[in-house]
Amino acid sequence: MTRLEIIIAEQEKTIGELSAEMAGQWKTIERMRKKLDVLAERFLELEEQTRPDVPVTKPPHW
């Protein structure tokens, strides 16, 4: 019986450690997602700035 209690206590400790690690990874993922959103927005802004002002039209022979 004592052996089972020891095993359960070790498993509870391991589960707690894994839960804390997972929470930390989730925070990292969220931080990276926010950075990606900012970079994507900046990229779109730069793309719009470099877009040519002259519209692309078909040549007269088309």
C-alpha atoms as a PDB file:
ATOM      1  CA  MET A   1       0.000   0.000   0.000  1.00  0.00           C
ATOM      2  CA  THR A   2       2.805   2.401   0.869  1.00  0.00           C
ATOM      3  CA  ARG A   3       4.451   1.659  -2.485  1.00  0.00           C
ATOM      4  CA  LEU A   4       1.269   2.668  -4.336  1.00  0.00           C
ATOM      5  CA  GLU A   5       1.074   5.918  -2.375  1.00  0.00           C
ATOM      6  CA  ILE A   6       4.678   6.701  -3.341  1.00  0.00           C
ATOM      7  CA  ILE A   7       3.946   5.994  -7.012  1.00  0.00           C
ATOM      8  CA  ILE A   8       0.834   8.177  -6.941  1.00  0.00           C
ATOM      9  CA  ALA A   9       2.744  11.018  -5.274  1.00  0.00           C
ATOM     10  CA  GLU A  10       5.484  10.816  -7.926  1.00  0.00           C
ATOM     11  CA  GLN A  11       2.890  10.810 -10.698  1.00  0.00           C
ATOM     12  CA  GLU A  12       1.136  13.841  -9.220  1.00  0.00           C
ATOM     13  CA  LYS A  13       4.471  15.668  -9.090  1.00  0.00           C
ATOM     14  CA  THR A  14       5.225  14.737 -12.706  1.00  0.00           C
ATOM     15  CA  ILE A  15       1.769  15.842 -13.857  1.00  0.00           C
ATOM     16  CA  GLY A  16       2.218  19.166 -12.068  1.00  0.00           C
ATOM     17  CA  GLU A  17       5.610  19.718 -13.717  1.00  0.00           C
ATOM     18  CA  LEU A  18       4.225  18.837 -17.148  1.00  0.00           C
ATOM     19  CA  SER A  19       1.280  21.162 -16.632  1.00  0.00           C
ATOM     20  CA  ALA A  20       3.583  24.043 -15.699  1.00  0.00           C
ATOM     21  CA  GLU A  21       5.784  23.367 -18.731  1.00  0.00           C
ATOM     22  CA  MET A  22       2.763  23.280 -21.006  1.00  0.00           C
ATOM     23  CA  ALA A  23       1.488  26.578 -19.611  1.00  0.00           C
ATOM     24  CA  GLY A  24       4.889  28.145 -20.270  1.00  0.00           C
ATOM     25  CA  GLN A  25       4.918  26.844 -23.829  1.00  0.00           C
ATOM     26  CA  TRP A  26       1.418  28.206 -24.413  1.00  0.00           C
ATOM     27  CA  LYS A  27       2.577  31.661 -23.296  1.00  0.00           C
ATOM     28  CA  THR A  28       5.507  31.416 -25.717  1.00  0.00           C
ATOM     29  CA  ILE A  29       3.192  30.402 -28.557  1.00  0.00           C
ATOM     30  CA  GLU A  30       0.861  33.320 -27.852  1.00  0.00           C
ATOM     31  CA  ARG A  31       3.783  35.762 -27.753  1.00  0.00           C
ATOM     32  CA  MET A  32       5.094  34.400 -31.059  1.00  0.00           C
ATOM     33  CA  ARG A  33       1.622  34.569 -32.618  1.00  0.00           C
ATOM     34  CA  LYS A  34       1.344  38.254 -31.691  1.00  0.00           C
ATOM     35  CA  LYS A  35       4.768  38.952 -33.209  1.00  0.00           C
ATOM     36  CA  LEU A  36       3.771  37.104 -36.369  1.00  0.00           C
ATOM     37  CA  ASP A  37       0.591  39.166 -36.658  1.00  0.00           C
ATOM     38  CA  VAL A  38       2.599  42.395 -36.317  1.00  0.00           C
ATOM     39  CA  LEU A  39       5.129  41.261 -38.916  1.00  0.00           C
ATOM     40  CA  ALA A  40       2.389  40.181 -41.328  1.00  0.00           C
ATOM     41  CA  GLU A  41       0.718  43.581 -40.994  1.00  0.00           C
ATOM     42  CA  ARG A  42       4.026  45.374 -41.615  1.00  0.00           C
ATOM     43  CA  PHE A  43       4.657  43.198 -44.653  1.00  0.00           C
ATOM     44  CA  LEU A  44       1.242  44.022 -46.111  1.00  0.00           C
ATOM     45  CA  GLU A  45       1.831  47.736 -45.540  1.00  0.00           C
ATOM     46  CA  LEU A  46       5.194  47.563 -47.324  1.00  0.00           C
ATOM     47  CA  GLU A  47       3.660  45.571 -50.145  1.00  0.00           C
ATOM     48  CA  GLU A  48       0.991  48.230 -50.640  1.00  0.00           C
ATOM     49  CA  GLN A  49       3.616  50.991 -50.659  1.00  0.00           C
ATOM     50  CA  THR A  50       5.645  49.290 -53.392  1.00  0.00           C
ATOM     51  CA  ARG A  51       2.667  48.451 -55.586  1.00  0.00           C
ATOM     52  CA  PRO A  52       2.900  50.254 -58.953  1.00  0.00           C
ATOM     53  CA  ASP A  53       0.533  53.174 -59.479  1.00  0.00           C
ATOM     54  CA  VAL A  54      -0.055  52.310 -63.116  1.00  0.00           C
ATOM     55  CA  PRO A  55      -2.729  49.640 -63.527  1.00  0.00           C
ATOM     56  CA  VAL A  56      -1.792  46.610 -65.573  1.00  0.00           C
ATOM     57  CA  THR A  57      -3.845  46.576 -68.764  1.00  0.00           C
ATOM     58  CA  LYS A  58      -3.998  44.272 -71.745  1.00  0.00           C
ATOM     59  CA  PRO A  59      -2.097  45.348 -74.840  1.00  0.00           C
ATOM     60  CA  PRO A  60      -4.266  46.641 -77.719  1.00  0.00           C
ATOM     61  CA  HIS A  61      -3.804  43.467 -79.750  1.00  0.00           C
ATOM     62  CA  TRP A  62      -5.561  41.307 -77.172  1.00  0.00           C
END
